[in-house]
Protein backbone atom coordinates (compact mmCIF):
# COMPACT_ATOMS: atom_id res chain seq x y z
CA MET A 1 92.92 127.09 110.64
CA ARG A 2 90.48 124.50 109.11
CA THR A 3 91.85 125.54 105.81
CA ILE A 4 95.29 125.21 106.94
CA ASN A 5 94.74 121.59 108.19
CA THR A 6 92.73 120.69 105.02
CA ASP A 7 95.46 121.71 102.92
CA SER A 8 98.21 119.91 105.01
CA LEU A 9 96.18 116.86 104.46
CA ASN A 10 95.49 117.15 100.74
CA ILE A 11 99.42 117.76 100.34
CA ALA A 12 100.31 114.87 102.50
CA GLY A 13 97.95 112.48 100.89
CA ALA A 14 98.87 113.91 97.17
CA LEU A 15 102.49 113.19 98.04
CA ILE A 16 102.22 109.66 99.34
CA ILE A 17 100.32 108.91 96.03
CA LEU A 18 102.69 110.65 94.11
CA VAL A 19 105.47 109.10 95.49
CA THR A 20 103.85 105.70 95.70
CA GLY A 21 103.37 105.80 92.08
CA LEU A 22 106.75 106.61 91.11
CA ILE A 23 108.33 103.99 93.47
CA ALA A 24 105.96 101.32 91.58
CA VAL A 25 107.06 102.61 88.15
CA VAL A 26 110.57 101.98 88.90
CA VAL A 27 110.24 98.80 90.94
CA SER A 28 108.20 97.44 87.70
CA VAL A 29 110.90 97.71 85.27
CA SER A 30 111.91 94.18 85.73
CA GLY A 31 108.67 93.05 85.26
CA ILE A 32 108.22 95.06 81.81
CA LYS A 33 111.19 92.89 80.91
CA LYS A 34 108.80 89.86 81.58
CA LYS A 35 105.69 91.81 79.68
CA GLU A 36 104.18 92.40 83.03
CA PHE A 37 102.98 95.89 82.70
CA THR A 38 99.94 95.86 85.83
CA LEU A 39 102.42 97.71 88.36
CA PHE A 40 103.69 99.96 85.72
CA ASN A 41 100.54 101.27 84.72
CA PHE A 42 99.35 101.25 88.73
CA GLY A 43 102.28 103.45 89.54
CA PHE A 44 101.71 105.74 86.47
CA PHE A 45 98.11 106.16 87.17
CA PHE A 46 98.79 107.24 90.64
CA ALA A 47 101.74 109.37 90.13
CA LEU A 48 99.68 111.32 87.41
CA TYR A 49 96.73 111.60 90.19
CA GLY A 50 98.98 112.32 92.97
CA LEU A 51 100.51 115.11 90.93
CA ARG A 52 97.14 116.64 89.94
CA TRP A 53 96.02 116.58 93.48
CA LEU A 54 99.02 118.34 94.66
CA VAL A 55 98.32 120.95 91.70
CA GLU A 56 95.03 121.88 93.19
CA VAL A 57 95.78 122.65 96.57
CA PRO A 58 95.45 126.24 96.79
CA GLY A 59 98.95 127.91 97.16
CA VAL A 60 100.88 125.02 96.03
CA ALA A 61 101.38 127.12 92.42
CA ASN A 62 102.43 130.20 94.01
CA THR A 63 104.97 128.48 96.15
CA ILE A 64 106.50 126.62 93.24
CA GLY A 65 106.49 129.60 91.02
CA LEU A 66 103.98 127.98 88.18
CA SER A 67 100.58 130.06 88.93
CA SER A 68 100.37 131.19 85.24
CA THR A 69 100.88 127.81 83.76
CA MET A 70 99.12 125.50 86.69
CA SER A 71 95.87 125.43 84.89
CA TYR A 72 97.29 124.39 81.81
CA LEU A 73 98.96 121.42 83.53
CA HIS A 74 95.84 120.48 85.47
CA SER A 75 94.13 120.26 82.25
CA PHE A 76 96.78 118.17 80.74
CA LEU A 77 97.01 115.57 83.90
CA THR A 78 93.02 115.41 83.56
CA TYR A 79 93.36 114.16 80.16
CA LEU A 80 96.26 112.17 80.90
CA ILE A 81 94.90 110.20 83.97
CA PRO A 82 92.20 107.97 82.07
CA ILE A 83 94.99 106.12 79.90
CA PRO A 84 97.18 104.39 82.46
CA LEU A 85 93.69 103.32 84.22
CA ALA A 86 92.33 101.88 81.28
CA ALA A 87 95.51 99.95 80.45
CA PHE A 88 95.68 98.77 83.92
CA LEU A 89 92.11 97.35 83.51
CA PHE A 90 93.17 95.99 79.85
CA ASN A 91 96.31 94.12 81.76
CA VAL A 92 93.80 92.16 84.55
CA LEU A 93 90.75 91.70 82.04
CA GLY A 94 92.41 91.45 78.58
CA ARG A 95 90.85 92.38 75.48
CA GLY A 96 87.58 91.66 77.07
CA LEU A 97 83.89 91.05 75.35
CA PHE A 98 84.09 91.65 71.67
CA SER A 99 87.75 93.13 72.28
CA SER A 100 85.93 96.29 74.04
CA MET A 101 88.88 96.58 77.01
CA PHE A 102 91.22 97.01 73.85
CA TRP A 103 89.10 99.87 72.47
CA PHE A 104 88.43 101.45 75.75
CA PHE A 105 92.05 101.65 76.15
CA ILE A 106 92.55 103.24 72.53
CA SER A 107 89.64 105.43 73.22
CA THR A 108 91.15 107.20 76.37
CA ILE A 109 94.55 107.85 73.84
CA VAL A 110 92.40 109.19 71.28
CA TYR A 111 90.06 111.54 73.78
CA ALA A 112 93.45 112.82 75.39
CA ILE A 113 95.03 114.04 72.13
CA ALA A 114 91.74 115.48 70.77
CA ALA A 115 91.09 117.26 74.02
CA VAL A 116 94.55 118.49 74.41
CA ILE A 117 94.10 119.75 70.84
CA TYR A 118 90.68 121.53 71.46
CA ASP A 119 92.13 123.48 74.36
CA MET A 120 95.02 124.54 72.62
CA PHE A 121 92.95 126.74 70.44
CA SER A 122 90.04 127.44 73.14
CA SER A 123 92.27 128.37 76.21
CA ALA A 124 89.08 129.19 78.33
CA ASN A 125 88.41 125.64 78.34
CA ALA A 126 91.94 124.71 79.77
CA LEU A 127 90.83 126.68 82.94
CA ASN A 128 87.98 124.16 83.81
CA PRO A 129 89.27 120.82 82.17
CA SER A 130 86.77 117.94 82.46
CA ILE A 131 86.00 114.83 80.39
CA ASN A 132 82.67 114.49 78.83
CA THR A 133 80.14 112.82 81.15
CA VAL A 134 78.62 110.94 78.23
CA VAL A 135 82.42 109.57 77.49
CA VAL A 136 82.98 109.07 81.10
CA ALA A 137 79.36 106.75 81.27
CA LEU A 138 80.72 104.55 78.25
CA TRP A 139 83.64 104.09 79.88
CA CYS A 140 82.34 102.74 83.15
CA LEU A 141 79.75 100.94 81.29
CA VAL A 142 82.28 98.98 79.57
CA GLY A 143 84.54 98.40 82.26
CA GLY A 144 81.82 97.76 84.17
CA ILE A 145 80.15 94.89 81.85
CA ASN A 146 83.82 93.43 81.60
CA VAL A 147 84.19 92.96 85.13
CA ILE A 148 80.90 91.39 85.73
CA LEU A 149 80.83 89.15 82.94
CA ILE A 150 84.30 87.75 82.82
CA ARG A 151 84.93 84.51 84.18
CA GLU A 152 88.36 83.10 83.15
CA GLN A 153 90.40 85.77 85.04
CA GLN A 154 92.08 85.16 88.55
CA LYS A 155 88.92 85.21 90.73
CA THR A 156 90.58 87.09 93.60
CA GLU A 157 91.35 89.90 91.02
CA LEU A 158 87.85 90.02 89.82
CA ILE A 159 86.33 90.35 93.51
CA MET A 160 88.88 93.26 94.08
CA LEU A 161 87.88 95.18 91.08
CA LYS A 162 84.06 94.74 91.85
CA ILE A 163 84.53 95.84 95.15
CA ILE A 164 86.85 98.99 94.25
CA LEU A 165 84.67 99.90 91.31
CA SER A 166 81.44 99.69 92.97
CA PHE A 167 82.57 101.81 95.90
CA LEU A 168 84.20 104.21 93.36
CA PHE A 169 80.41 104.57 91.75
CA LEU A 170 79.01 105.13 94.84
CA CYS A 171 81.48 108.03 95.64
CA VAL A 172 81.13 109.48 92.21
CA THR A 173 76.99 109.28 92.51
CA ASN A 174 77.40 110.92 95.96
CA ASP A 175 79.55 113.69 94.86
CA ASN A 176 77.33 114.39 91.72
CA LEU A 177 73.90 114.52 93.86
CA VAL A 178 75.71 116.77 96.73
CA SER A 179 76.47 119.04 93.64
CA MET A 180 72.92 119.11 92.62
CA HIS A 181 72.09 119.58 96.24
CA ALA A 182 69.98 116.41 96.00
CA LEU A 183 70.82 114.73 99.44
CA PRO A 184 70.06 116.23 102.92
CA TRP A 185 73.83 116.17 103.66
CA SER A 186 76.96 118.18 101.93
CA PHE A 187 79.73 115.71 102.63
CA ARG A 188 81.81 114.87 99.46
CA MET A 189 83.72 111.42 99.11
CA GLU A 190 86.33 113.26 96.49
CA HIS A 191 89.89 111.72 97.32
CA ILE A 192 88.32 108.95 99.72
CA ASP A 193 87.26 107.05 96.76
CA ILE A 194 90.75 107.32 95.23
CA LEU A 195 92.50 106.23 98.49
CA VAL A 196 90.09 102.66 98.32
CA LEU A 197 91.04 102.50 94.34
CA PHE A 198 94.67 102.82 95.37
CA ALA A 199 94.54 100.08 97.79
CA GLY A 200 92.52 97.99 95.75
CA MET A 201 94.68 98.44 92.36
CA GLY A 202 98.03 98.31 94.58
CA TYR A 203 96.59 94.82 95.85
CA ILE A 204 96.64 93.72 92.30
CA ALA A 205 99.15 95.32 90.88
CA VAL A 206 101.75 93.73 93.49
CA ARG A 207 99.66 90.36 93.61
CA ARG A 208 100.46 90.03 89.41
CA PHE A 209 104.27 91.39 89.84
CA LEU A 210 104.95 88.90 92.44
CA SER A 211 103.30 86.20 90.59
CA SER A 212 105.11 87.02 87.28
CA GLU A 213 108.49 87.13 89.47
CA LYS A 214 107.74 83.74 90.87
CA GLY A 215 107.02 82.45 87.27
CA PHE A 216 109.88 83.96 85.81
CA TYR A 217 112.38 82.49 88.45
CA ASN A 218 111.06 78.94 88.29
CA GLN A 219 111.23 79.05 84.90
CA VAL A 220 115.08 79.75 84.94
CA ASP A 221 115.71 77.07 87.72
CA GLY A 222 114.22 74.50 85.35
CA ILE A 223 116.18 75.27 82.68
């Protein structure tokens, strides 16, 4: 009974994030015309994450008849997910210190391409896809330094970024220590962190989208 309840909660959480992400992508079309991509990248990121979360639920693959290819789909999604997240941070922070956020974004694309090609020639790796921990650490370091040191952006958005990224770091640290049996508890915060990230990024994306819409219509009224 516990497994059924857990699976149901996972499916519900995955579908909520997936559908919300898709809606955000559709709504963001008007913003893209005004060169405001924050809502689009927010939606793209969570659509991909929601789909991967759904793929991870036991039994889903058999239900939709994709059990033979599900591991490859999961691998592909794992490598794609960092791209819209990096793009979102690039939208909010700009090119960053020494253009580091720009290269952070480019590196996620390069890594995804390289990882997919590598897995094509080494099929065993597609069964347990992961992103190199050194690469993840470098990405976190670059993003964290920019969030801390950049001051000329919107203060509210930076405060929100600091909160959600700090919480995400604590969750990842907890889960890694639990996996190493270095803590007196076994509680993992997987997916809890993504829900907090979802709320924080959503707030920033909607705020910037509405601001761009307001600015656009004010400009039109002034013509």
